[in-house]
Amino acid sequence: QIVMDYPHKNGENDVRQSDDEMNLWKKRIALGALGTAFTGSILLMSPFVIMQLRSPLPYMSTPRKKVIRALKEVASSAKKSNTKDHELRFMDLGSGDGEAVFAAASVGWRATG
């Protein structure tokens, strides 16, 4: 059985094919945008998920570099003020994994926690 599709008046078949191609491209663009949004969301959330997987504790600790930078800033402002030469002390109340205590001790503070 042979079926032949003859063009209709005024090129209706061409218009229908053009509309189908346009709809196909719209679907592809929408699918690409959805995939890009999904992939971007996964990439943005991955550091937080990885931190939770690495640590059994239910929080995300402050990175060591930031703690050290803050401690150095406090130490430099203490030196600039008119305070006596007191030993810098750091006390942690135990709400984490102790990383801040180790960071404070590594930069010369007397750290307890």
Foldseek 3Di string as FASTA:
>chain_A
DDDDDDADPPRPVVVVVVVVVVVVVVVVVVVVVVVVVVVVVCVVCVVVVVQCVVDVDPDRDDDLVVLLVVLVVVVVVVVVDPDDPDAAEAEDPPPDDCSSQVSCVVVRHHYYD
